[in-house]
C-alpha atoms as a PDB file:
ATOM      1  CA  MET A   1      -8.731  18.493  -2.170  1.00  0.00           C
ATOM      2  CA  PHE A   2      -8.742  16.605   1.249  1.00  0.00           C
ATOM      3  CA  SER A   3     -10.646  17.356   4.593  1.00  0.00           C
ATOM      4  CA  VAL A   4      -9.497  16.239   8.365  1.00  0.00           C
ATOM      5  CA  GLY A   5     -10.943  13.110   8.806  1.00  0.00           C
ATOM      6  CA  ASP A   6     -10.632  11.667   5.058  1.00  0.00           C
ATOM      7  CA  HIS A   7      -8.830   8.239   4.566  1.00  0.00           C
ATOM      8  CA  VAL A   8      -6.359   8.631   2.264  1.00  0.00           C
ATOM      9  CA  LEU A   9      -3.329   6.740   0.842  1.00  0.00           C
ATOM     10  CA  HIS A  10       0.518   7.256   0.470  1.00  0.00           C
ATOM     11  CA  PRO A  11       1.617   5.001  -2.363  1.00  0.00           C
ATOM     12  CA  LEU A  12       5.174   4.891  -0.394  1.00  0.00           C
ATOM     13  CA  HIS A  13       3.923   4.843   3.045  1.00  0.00           C
ATOM     14  CA  GLY A  14       0.168   3.744   3.403  1.00  0.00           C
ATOM     15  CA  ALA A  15      -2.857   4.599   4.512  1.00  0.00           C
ATOM     16  CA  GLY A  16      -3.986   6.691   7.371  1.00  0.00           C
ATOM     17  CA  THR A  17      -6.090   9.563   8.324  1.00  0.00           C
ATOM     18  CA  VAL A  18      -5.539  13.579   7.832  1.00  0.00           C
ATOM     19  CA  THR A  19      -5.482  14.865  11.169  1.00  0.00           C
ATOM     20  CA  SER A  20      -5.184  18.710  10.297  1.00  0.00           C
ATOM     21  CA  ILE A  21      -4.226  20.950   7.786  1.00  0.00           C
ATOM     22  CA  CYS A  22      -1.619  22.916   8.843  1.00  0.00           C
ATOM     23  CA  ILE A  23       0.940  25.939   7.897  1.00  0.00           C
ATOM     24  CA  ARG A  24       4.490  25.075   8.192  1.00  0.00           C
ATOM     25  CA  GLN A  25       7.746  27.311   6.851  1.00  0.00           C
ATOM     26  CA  ASN A  26      10.014  25.640   4.814  1.00  0.00           C
ATOM     27  CA  ASP A  27      12.577  27.337   2.911  1.00  0.00           C
ATOM     28  CA  GLY A  28      11.397  30.686   4.181  1.00  0.00           C
ATOM     29  CA  MET A  29       7.635  29.988   2.258  1.00  0.00           C
ATOM     30  CA  ARG A  30       4.995  29.495   4.236  1.00  0.00           C
ATOM     31  CA  GLN A  31       3.108  26.018   2.909  1.00  0.00           C
ATOM     32  CA  LYS A  32       0.064  24.510   3.321  1.00  0.00           C
ATOM     33  CA  TYR A  33       0.129  20.885   4.421  1.00  0.00           C
ATOM     34  CA  TYR A  34      -1.891  17.759   5.373  1.00  0.00           C
ATOM     35  CA  ALA A  35      -0.755  15.877   8.363  1.00  0.00           C
ATOM     36  CA  LEU A  36      -1.179  12.494   7.848  1.00  0.00           C
ATOM     37  CA  HIS A  37      -1.460   9.982  10.540  1.00  0.00           C
ATOM     38  CA  LEU A  38      -0.339   6.375   9.524  1.00  0.00           C
ATOM     39  CA  VAL A  39      -1.959   3.417  10.639  1.00  0.00           C
ATOM     40  CA  LEU A  40       0.031   0.880  10.724  1.00  0.00           C
ATOM     41  CA  ASP A  41       3.043   2.879  11.524  1.00  0.00           C
ATOM     42  CA  ASP A  42       1.706   5.289  14.105  1.00  0.00           C
ATOM     43  CA  VAL A  43       3.602   8.087  12.845  1.00  0.00           C
ATOM     44  CA  VAL A  44       2.583  11.593  11.303  1.00  0.00           C
ATOM     45  CA  LEU A  45       3.551  12.392   7.984  1.00  0.00           C
ATOM     46  CA  TYR A  46       3.130  16.215   6.461  1.00  0.00           C
ATOM     47  CA  ILE A  47       2.846  16.130   2.824  1.00  0.00           C
ATOM     48  CA  PRO A  48       2.330  19.901   0.861  1.00  0.00           C
ATOM     49  CA  VAL A  49      -0.635  20.449  -0.529  1.00  0.00           C
ATOM     50  CA  ARG A  50       0.243  21.940  -3.504  1.00  0.00           C
ATOM     51  CA  CYS A  51       2.712  18.323  -4.150  1.00  0.00           C
ATOM     52  CA  SER A  52      -0.436  15.973  -2.277  1.00  0.00           C
ATOM     53  CA  GLY A  53      -1.266  14.850  -6.499  1.00  0.00           C
ATOM     54  CA  GLN A  54       2.335  14.857  -7.523  1.00  0.00           C
ATOM     55  CA  VAL A  55       2.803  12.245  -4.646  1.00  0.00           C
ATOM     56  CA  GLY A  56       0.048  10.315  -5.573  1.00  0.00           C
ATOM     57  CA  LEU A  57      -1.894  11.030  -2.113  1.00  0.00           C
ATOM     58  CA  ARG A  58      -5.688   9.518  -3.364  1.00  0.00           C
ATOM     59  CA  HIS A  59      -8.227   7.978  -1.207  1.00  0.00           C
ATOM     60  CA  ILE A  60      -8.654   5.078   0.094  1.00  0.00           C
ATOM     61  CA  CYS A  61     -10.728   2.503  -1.447  1.00  0.00           C
ATOM     62  CA  SER A  62     -14.165   1.745  -1.065  1.00  0.00           C
ATOM     63  CA  ALA A  63     -15.229  -0.936   1.562  1.00  0.00           C
ATOM     64  CA  GLN A  64     -16.809  -2.999  -1.714  1.00  0.00           C
ATOM     65  CA  GLU A  65     -13.563  -3.172  -3.198  1.00  0.00           C
ATOM     66  CA  ALA A  66     -11.420  -3.898  -0.222  1.00  0.00           C
ATOM     67  CA  GLU A  67     -13.641  -7.017   0.038  1.00  0.00           C
ATOM     68  CA  LYS A  68     -13.036  -7.741  -3.573  1.00  0.00           C
ATOM     69  CA  ILE A  69      -8.927  -7.718  -2.880  1.00  0.00           C
ATOM     70  CA  LEU A  70     -10.028  -9.765   0.554  1.00  0.00           C
ATOM     71  CA  CYS A  71     -11.651 -12.662  -1.658  1.00  0.00           C
ATOM     72  CA  GLY A  72      -9.010 -12.713  -3.638  1.00  0.00           C
ATOM     73  CA  GLN A  73     -10.143 -11.065  -7.074  1.00  0.00           C
ATOM     74  CA  ILE A  74      -6.924  -9.388  -7.748  1.00  0.00           C
ATOM     75  CA  GLY A  75      -6.768 -10.402 -11.557  1.00  0.00           C
ATOM     76  CA  PRO A  76      -4.128 -12.087 -13.512  1.00  0.00           C
ATOM     77  CA  LEU A  77      -0.562 -12.357 -11.607  1.00  0.00           C
ATOM     78  CA  PRO A  78       1.745 -10.755 -14.079  1.00  0.00           C
ATOM     79  CA  PRO A  79       4.921 -12.603 -14.912  1.00  0.00           C
ATOM     80  CA  GLN A  80       7.768 -12.389 -12.856  1.00  0.00           C
ATOM     81  CA  PRO A  81      10.863 -11.989 -14.703  1.00  0.00           C
ATOM     82  CA  ALA A  82      14.285 -14.172 -13.674  1.00  0.00           C
ATOM     83  CA  SER A  83      16.490 -11.496 -13.041  1.00  0.00           C
ATOM     84  CA  TRP A  84      16.356  -9.840  -9.251  1.00  0.00           C
ATOM     85  CA  ASN A  85      17.142  -6.477 -10.057  1.00  0.00           C
ATOM     86  CA  ASP A  86      14.401  -6.228 -12.951  1.00  0.00           C
ATOM     87  CA  ARG A  87      11.563  -8.251 -10.957  1.00  0.00           C
ATOM     88  CA  TYR A  88      12.817  -5.469  -8.004  1.00  0.00           C
ATOM     89  CA  ARG A  89      11.846  -2.995 -10.221  1.00  0.00           C
ATOM     90  CA  GLU A  90       9.181  -4.093 -11.383  1.00  0.00           C
ATOM     91  CA  ASN A  91       7.604  -4.775  -7.939  1.00  0.00           C
ATOM     92  CA  MET A  92       8.267  -1.227  -6.905  1.00  0.00           C
ATOM     93  CA  ASN A  93       6.764   0.263  -9.852  1.00  0.00           C
ATOM     94  CA  ARG A  94       3.586  -1.216  -9.397  1.00  0.00           C
ATOM     95  CA  ILE A  95       3.904  -0.066  -5.740  1.00  0.00           C
ATOM     96  CA  ARG A  96       4.524   3.383  -6.759  1.00  0.00           C
ATOM     97  CA  SER A  97       1.839   3.689  -8.945  1.00  0.00           C
ATOM     98  CA  GLY A  98      -0.589   3.705  -5.687  1.00  0.00           C
ATOM     99  CA  ASP A  99      -3.306   0.707  -7.468  1.00  0.00           C
ATOM    100  CA  ILE A 100      -4.267  -1.202  -4.439  1.00  0.00           C
ATOM    101  CA  TYR A 101      -4.654  -4.096  -7.400  1.00  0.00           C
ATOM    102  CA  GLN A 102      -0.844  -3.673  -8.335  1.00  0.00           C
ATOM    103  CA  VAL A 103      -0.096  -3.424  -4.454  1.00  0.00           C
ATOM    104  CA  ALA A 104      -1.966  -6.809  -3.530  1.00  0.00           C
ATOM    105  CA  ARG A 105      -0.035  -8.531  -7.417  1.00  0.00           C
ATOM    106  CA  VAL A 106       3.112  -7.791  -5.644  1.00  0.00           C
ATOM    107  CA  THR A 107       2.008  -9.180  -2.197  1.00  0.00           C
ATOM    108  CA  ALA A 108       0.417 -12.186  -4.007  1.00  0.00           C
ATOM    109  CA  CYS A 109       3.733 -12.826  -6.627  1.00  0.00           C
ATOM    110  CA  LEU A 110       6.482 -12.188  -3.517  1.00  0.00           C
ATOM    111  CA  TRP A 111       4.227 -14.200  -1.221  1.00  0.00           C
ATOM    112  CA  LEU A 112       4.007 -17.174  -4.068  1.00  0.00           C
ATOM    113  CA  ARG A 113       7.733 -17.123  -4.966  1.00  0.00           C
ATOM    114  CA  GLY A 114       8.997 -16.712  -0.794  1.00  0.00           C
ATOM    115  CA  ARG A 115       6.914 -20.443  -0.892  1.00  0.00           C
ATOM    116  CA  ARG A 116       8.444 -21.634  -3.631  1.00  0.00           C
ATOM    117  CA  ARG A 117      12.067 -20.498  -2.155  1.00  0.00           C
ATOM    118  CA  ALA A 118      13.737 -18.095   0.528  1.00  0.00           C
ATOM    119  CA  LEU A 119      13.367 -14.328  -1.119  1.00  0.00           C
ATOM    120  CA  ALA A 120      16.401 -12.168  -1.282  1.00  0.00           C
ATOM    121  CA  GLY A 121      16.973  -9.556   1.378  1.00  0.00           C
ATOM    122  CA  SER A 122      15.944  -6.966  -1.370  1.00  0.00           C
ATOM    123  CA  GLU A 123      12.211  -8.749  -2.339  1.00  0.00           C
ATOM    124  CA  LYS A 124      11.834  -9.346   1.431  1.00  0.00           C
ATOM    125  CA  ARG A 125      12.058  -5.457   1.793  1.00  0.00           C
ATOM    126  CA  VAL A 126       9.458  -4.808  -1.053  1.00  0.00           C
ATOM    127  CA  MET A 127       7.277  -7.510   0.162  1.00  0.00           C
ATOM    128  CA  GLU A 128       7.341  -5.671   3.145  1.00  0.00           C
ATOM    129  CA  CYS A 129       6.494  -2.722   1.675  1.00  0.00           C
ATOM    130  CA  ALA A 130       3.807  -3.751  -0.383  1.00  0.00           C
ATOM    131  CA  GLU A 131       2.399  -5.343   2.791  1.00  0.00           C
ATOM    132  CA  ARG A 132       2.398  -2.311   4.850  1.00  0.00           C
ATOM    133  CA  ILE A 133       1.059  -0.244   2.256  1.00  0.00           C
ATOM    134  CA  LEU A 134      -1.837  -3.145   1.276  1.00  0.00           C
ATOM    135  CA  TYR A 135      -3.013  -4.330   5.075  1.00  0.00           C
ATOM    136  CA  SER A 136      -3.370  -0.638   5.899  1.00  0.00           C
ATOM    137  CA  GLU A 137      -5.655   0.167   2.775  1.00  0.00           C
ATOM    138  CA  LEU A 138      -7.842  -2.841   3.369  1.00  0.00           C
ATOM    139  CA  MET A 139      -7.791  -2.245   7.132  1.00  0.00           C
ATOM    140  CA  LEU A 140      -9.223   1.384   7.248  1.00  0.00           C
ATOM    141  CA  ALA A 141     -11.673   0.182   4.323  1.00  0.00           C
ATOM    142  CA  SER A 142     -12.831  -2.539   5.947  1.00  0.00           C
ATOM    143  CA  GLY A 143     -12.487  -2.256   9.332  1.00  0.00           C
ATOM    144  CA  LEU A 144     -10.450  -5.156  10.084  1.00  0.00           C
ATOM    145  CA  SER A 145      -7.827  -5.513  12.181  1.00  0.00           C
ATOM    146  CA  ARG A 146      -4.335  -6.376  10.634  1.00  0.00           C
ATOM    147  CA  ARG A 147      -4.052  -9.928  11.800  1.00  0.00           C
ATOM    148  CA  GLU A 148      -7.352 -10.372  10.273  1.00  0.00           C
ATOM    149  CA  VAL A 149      -6.402  -8.950   6.468  1.00  0.00           C
ATOM    150  CA  GLN A 150      -3.053 -10.575   6.920  1.00  0.00           C
ATOM    151  CA  GLN A 151      -4.934 -14.437   7.556  1.00  0.00           C
ATOM    152  CA  ARG A 152      -8.004 -13.785   4.972  1.00  0.00           C
ATOM    153  CA  LEU A 153      -5.222 -12.503   2.436  1.00  0.00           C
ATOM    154  CA  GLU A 154      -2.858 -15.481   3.011  1.00  0.00           C
ATOM    155  CA  GLN A 155      -5.524 -17.930   2.614  1.00  0.00           C
ATOM    156  CA  GLN A 156      -6.402 -16.433  -1.135  1.00  0.00           C
ATOM    157  CA  TRP A 157      -2.529 -16.428  -1.740  1.00  0.00           C
ATOM    158  CA  LYS A 158      -2.605 -20.017  -0.184  1.00  0.00           C
ATOM    159  CA  LYS A 159      -5.521 -20.842  -3.009  1.00  0.00           C
ATOM    160  CA  LEU A 160      -3.343 -19.330  -5.992  1.00  0.00           C
ATOM    161  CA  HIS A 161      -0.211 -21.468  -4.518  1.00  0.00           C
ATOM    162  CA  LEU A 162      -2.820 -24.907  -5.026  1.00  0.00           C
ATOM    163  CA  ARG A 163      -3.498 -24.026  -8.858  1.00  0.00           C
END
């Protein structure tokens, strides 16, 4: 269970702060909800408390983990299938996992792919989604701005590109 003020991550929407735990009416039933204010979108998501585990809601990573990722320690990049729809499916599954390292790998792979050739529209959307999730979690965990996170990660991706 989360408390007001906790920094949490929704695997598909990004990181934010639990601003309240409220009771709302849904289909004639009263349920407890987390009000999650997303750091990047300035939007409030309402997530049923009883479904939070199913959704994949979790505490954000530690400052130490964030620093490891910002220093490029994300592990080996997964092979990318030649078929765009296979790449899309695999990358979305990695994003849905909620694992920050998986999301960082997706971001790095798509960033590198975009340097070699223009990304297709669907891959651009996947990259934007992965970046939003990754940046928001790293911002809250490290205290850096979006711009600082983006610059530090791009420095790391450029090093991968030179290999």
